[in-house]
Amino acid sequence: MNAEQFLSLAETLRSFAQHSGRDLNAANLFVHDMLMRAIKADPVNEPDRAPQQRAA
């Protein structure tokens, strides 16, 4: 899942929770846990740093 899909899922779960009288915090916690699992399974690499210039 990409970030846009996670945000869409979070919004859908919050909306469902609000309209059905369910616990909004539980919906937020579920999305948070799923996002953290995804991050741990596929960590983002730091961008390459610019090569250092040699002193003349």
N, C-alpha and C. Protein backbone atom coordinates (compact mmCIF):
# COMPACT_ATOMS: atom_id res chain seq x y z
N MET A 1 0.85 -1.18 0.00
CA MET A 1 0.00 0.00 0.00
C MET A 1 0.89 1.24 0.00
N ASN A 2 0.45 2.24 -0.71
CA ASN A 2 1.19 3.49 -0.67
C ASN A 2 0.52 4.45 0.31
N ALA A 3 1.11 5.60 0.50
CA ALA A 3 0.61 6.56 1.49
C ALA A 3 -0.82 7.00 1.19
N GLU A 4 -1.12 7.20 -0.08
CA GLU A 4 -2.47 7.64 -0.46
C GLU A 4 -3.51 6.58 -0.10
N GLN A 5 -3.17 5.32 -0.29
CA GLN A 5 -4.08 4.24 0.05
C GLN A 5 -4.29 4.14 1.56
N PHE A 6 -3.22 4.33 2.34
CA PHE A 6 -3.36 4.31 3.80
C PHE A 6 -4.24 5.45 4.28
N LEU A 7 -4.06 6.63 3.71
CA LEU A 7 -4.89 7.77 4.11
C LEU A 7 -6.35 7.53 3.74
N SER A 8 -6.58 6.93 2.60
CA SER A 8 -7.94 6.62 2.18
C SER A 8 -8.57 5.60 3.12
N LEU A 9 -7.81 4.57 3.46
CA LEU A 9 -8.31 3.56 4.41
C LEU A 9 -8.62 4.18 5.76
N ALA A 10 -7.73 5.04 6.24
CA ALA A 10 -7.95 5.69 7.53
C ALA A 10 -9.22 6.53 7.51
N GLU A 11 -9.42 7.29 6.45
CA GLU A 11 -10.61 8.13 6.34
C GLU A 11 -11.87 7.28 6.27
N THR A 12 -11.83 6.19 5.53
CA THR A 12 -12.98 5.30 5.43
C THR A 12 -13.33 4.69 6.78
N LEU A 13 -12.31 4.22 7.50
CA LEU A 13 -12.57 3.62 8.82
C LEU A 13 -13.09 4.65 9.82
N ARG A 14 -12.55 5.87 9.78
CA ARG A 14 -13.04 6.92 10.68
C ARG A 14 -14.49 7.25 10.37
N SER A 15 -14.80 7.36 9.09
CA SER A 15 -16.16 7.66 8.68
C SER A 15 -17.12 6.56 9.13
N PHE A 16 -16.73 5.32 8.91
CA PHE A 16 -17.56 4.18 9.33
C PHE A 16 -17.77 4.20 10.84
N ALA A 17 -16.68 4.44 11.58
CA ALA A 17 -16.78 4.45 13.05
C ALA A 17 -17.72 5.55 13.53
N GLN A 18 -17.63 6.73 12.93
CA GLN A 18 -18.48 7.84 13.35
C GLN A 18 -19.95 7.57 13.04
N HIS A 19 -20.23 6.99 11.88
CA HIS A 19 -21.61 6.78 11.48
C HIS A 19 -22.26 5.56 12.13
N SER A 20 -21.45 4.63 12.60
CA SER A 20 -22.01 3.41 13.19
C SER A 20 -21.95 3.41 14.71
N GLY A 21 -21.39 4.47 15.29
CA GLY A 21 -21.30 4.54 16.74
C GLY A 21 -20.18 3.70 17.32
N ARG A 22 -19.26 3.29 16.50
CA ARG A 22 -18.13 2.49 16.97
C ARG A 22 -17.02 3.41 17.49
N ASP A 23 -16.03 2.79 18.11
CA ASP A 23 -14.93 3.52 18.73
C ASP A 23 -13.99 4.10 17.66
N LEU A 24 -13.95 5.41 17.57
CA LEU A 24 -13.09 6.09 16.60
C LEU A 24 -11.61 5.83 16.91
N ASN A 25 -11.26 5.77 18.18
CA ASN A 25 -9.87 5.52 18.55
C ASN A 25 -9.41 4.14 18.10
N ALA A 26 -10.30 3.16 18.15
CA ALA A 26 -9.95 1.81 17.70
C ALA A 26 -9.65 1.81 16.20
N ALA A 27 -10.44 2.55 15.43
CA ALA A 27 -10.20 2.64 13.99
C ALA A 27 -8.85 3.30 13.72
N ASN A 28 -8.56 4.38 14.43
CA ASN A 28 -7.27 5.06 14.26
C ASN A 28 -6.10 4.16 14.66
N LEU A 29 -6.26 3.43 15.75
CA LEU A 29 -5.21 2.54 16.22
C LEU A 29 -4.95 1.42 15.22
N PHE A 30 -6.01 0.88 14.64
CA PHE A 30 -5.87 -0.18 13.65
C PHE A 30 -5.05 0.33 12.45
N VAL A 31 -5.40 1.49 11.92
CA VAL A 31 -4.67 2.03 10.77
C VAL A 31 -3.23 2.32 11.15
N HIS A 32 -3.01 2.87 12.33
CA HIS A 32 -1.64 3.16 12.78
C HIS A 32 -0.82 1.87 12.85
N ASP A 33 -1.39 0.83 13.45
CA ASP A 33 -0.67 -0.44 13.56
C ASP A 33 -0.34 -1.03 12.19
N MET A 34 -1.28 -0.95 11.27
CA MET A 34 -1.03 -1.48 9.93
C MET A 34 0.06 -0.68 9.21
N LEU A 35 0.04 0.63 9.37
CA LEU A 35 1.06 1.48 8.75
C LEU A 35 2.43 1.17 9.33
N MET A 36 2.52 1.01 10.64
CA MET A 36 3.80 0.71 11.27
C MET A 36 4.33 -0.65 10.82
N ARG A 37 3.45 -1.63 10.67
CA ARG A 37 3.88 -2.94 10.17
C ARG A 37 4.42 -2.82 8.75
N ALA A 38 3.76 -2.03 7.93
CA ALA A 38 4.21 -1.85 6.55
C ALA A 38 5.57 -1.16 6.51
N ILE A 39 5.76 -0.17 7.37
CA ILE A 39 7.04 0.54 7.41
C ILE A 39 8.16 -0.40 7.86
N LYS A 40 7.88 -1.22 8.88
CA LYS A 40 8.89 -2.15 9.37
C LYS A 40 9.21 -3.22 8.34
N ALA A 41 8.22 -3.65 7.56
CA ALA A 41 8.44 -4.69 6.56
C ALA A 41 9.18 -4.15 5.35
N ASP A 42 9.01 -2.88 5.04
CA ASP A 42 9.62 -2.29 3.85
C ASP A 42 10.17 -0.91 4.21
N PRO A 43 11.30 -0.86 4.93
CA PRO A 43 11.83 0.42 5.39
C PRO A 43 12.24 1.30 4.21
N VAL A 44 12.11 2.57 4.41
CA VAL A 44 12.48 3.56 3.40
C VAL A 44 13.96 3.85 3.55
N ASN A 45 14.67 3.77 2.44
CA ASN A 45 16.10 4.07 2.48
C ASN A 45 16.31 5.57 2.42
N GLU A 46 17.35 6.02 3.12
CA GLU A 46 17.68 7.44 3.08
C GLU A 46 18.18 7.79 1.69
N PRO A 47 17.88 8.99 1.22
CA PRO A 47 18.39 9.38 -0.10
C PRO A 47 19.92 9.46 -0.09
N ASP A 48 20.50 9.17 -1.22
CA ASP A 48 21.96 9.25 -1.32
C ASP A 48 22.41 10.68 -1.10
N ARG A 49 23.45 10.82 -0.35
CA ARG A 49 24.00 12.14 -0.11
C ARG A 49 24.89 12.53 -1.29
N ALA A 50 25.00 13.83 -1.52
CA ALA A 50 25.85 14.31 -2.60
C ALA A 50 27.29 13.92 -2.32
N PRO A 51 28.00 13.49 -3.33
CA PRO A 51 29.42 13.10 -3.09
C PRO A 51 30.23 14.29 -2.60
N GLN A 52 31.11 14.01 -1.69
CA GLN A 52 31.95 15.08 -1.13
C GLN A 52 33.01 15.46 -2.16
N GLN A 53 33.25 16.75 -2.27
CA GLN A 53 34.27 17.23 -3.19
C GLN A 53 35.63 17.12 -2.54
N ARG A 54 36.60 16.77 -3.34
CA ARG A 54 37.97 16.64 -2.81
C ARG A 54 38.62 18.02 -2.74
N ALA A 55 39.43 18.18 -1.73
CA ALA A 55 40.18 19.44 -1.61
C ALA A 55 41.28 19.47 -2.66
N ALA A 56 41.50 20.62 -3.26
CA ALA A 56 42.51 20.72 -4.33
C ALA A 56 43.89 20.89 -3.79
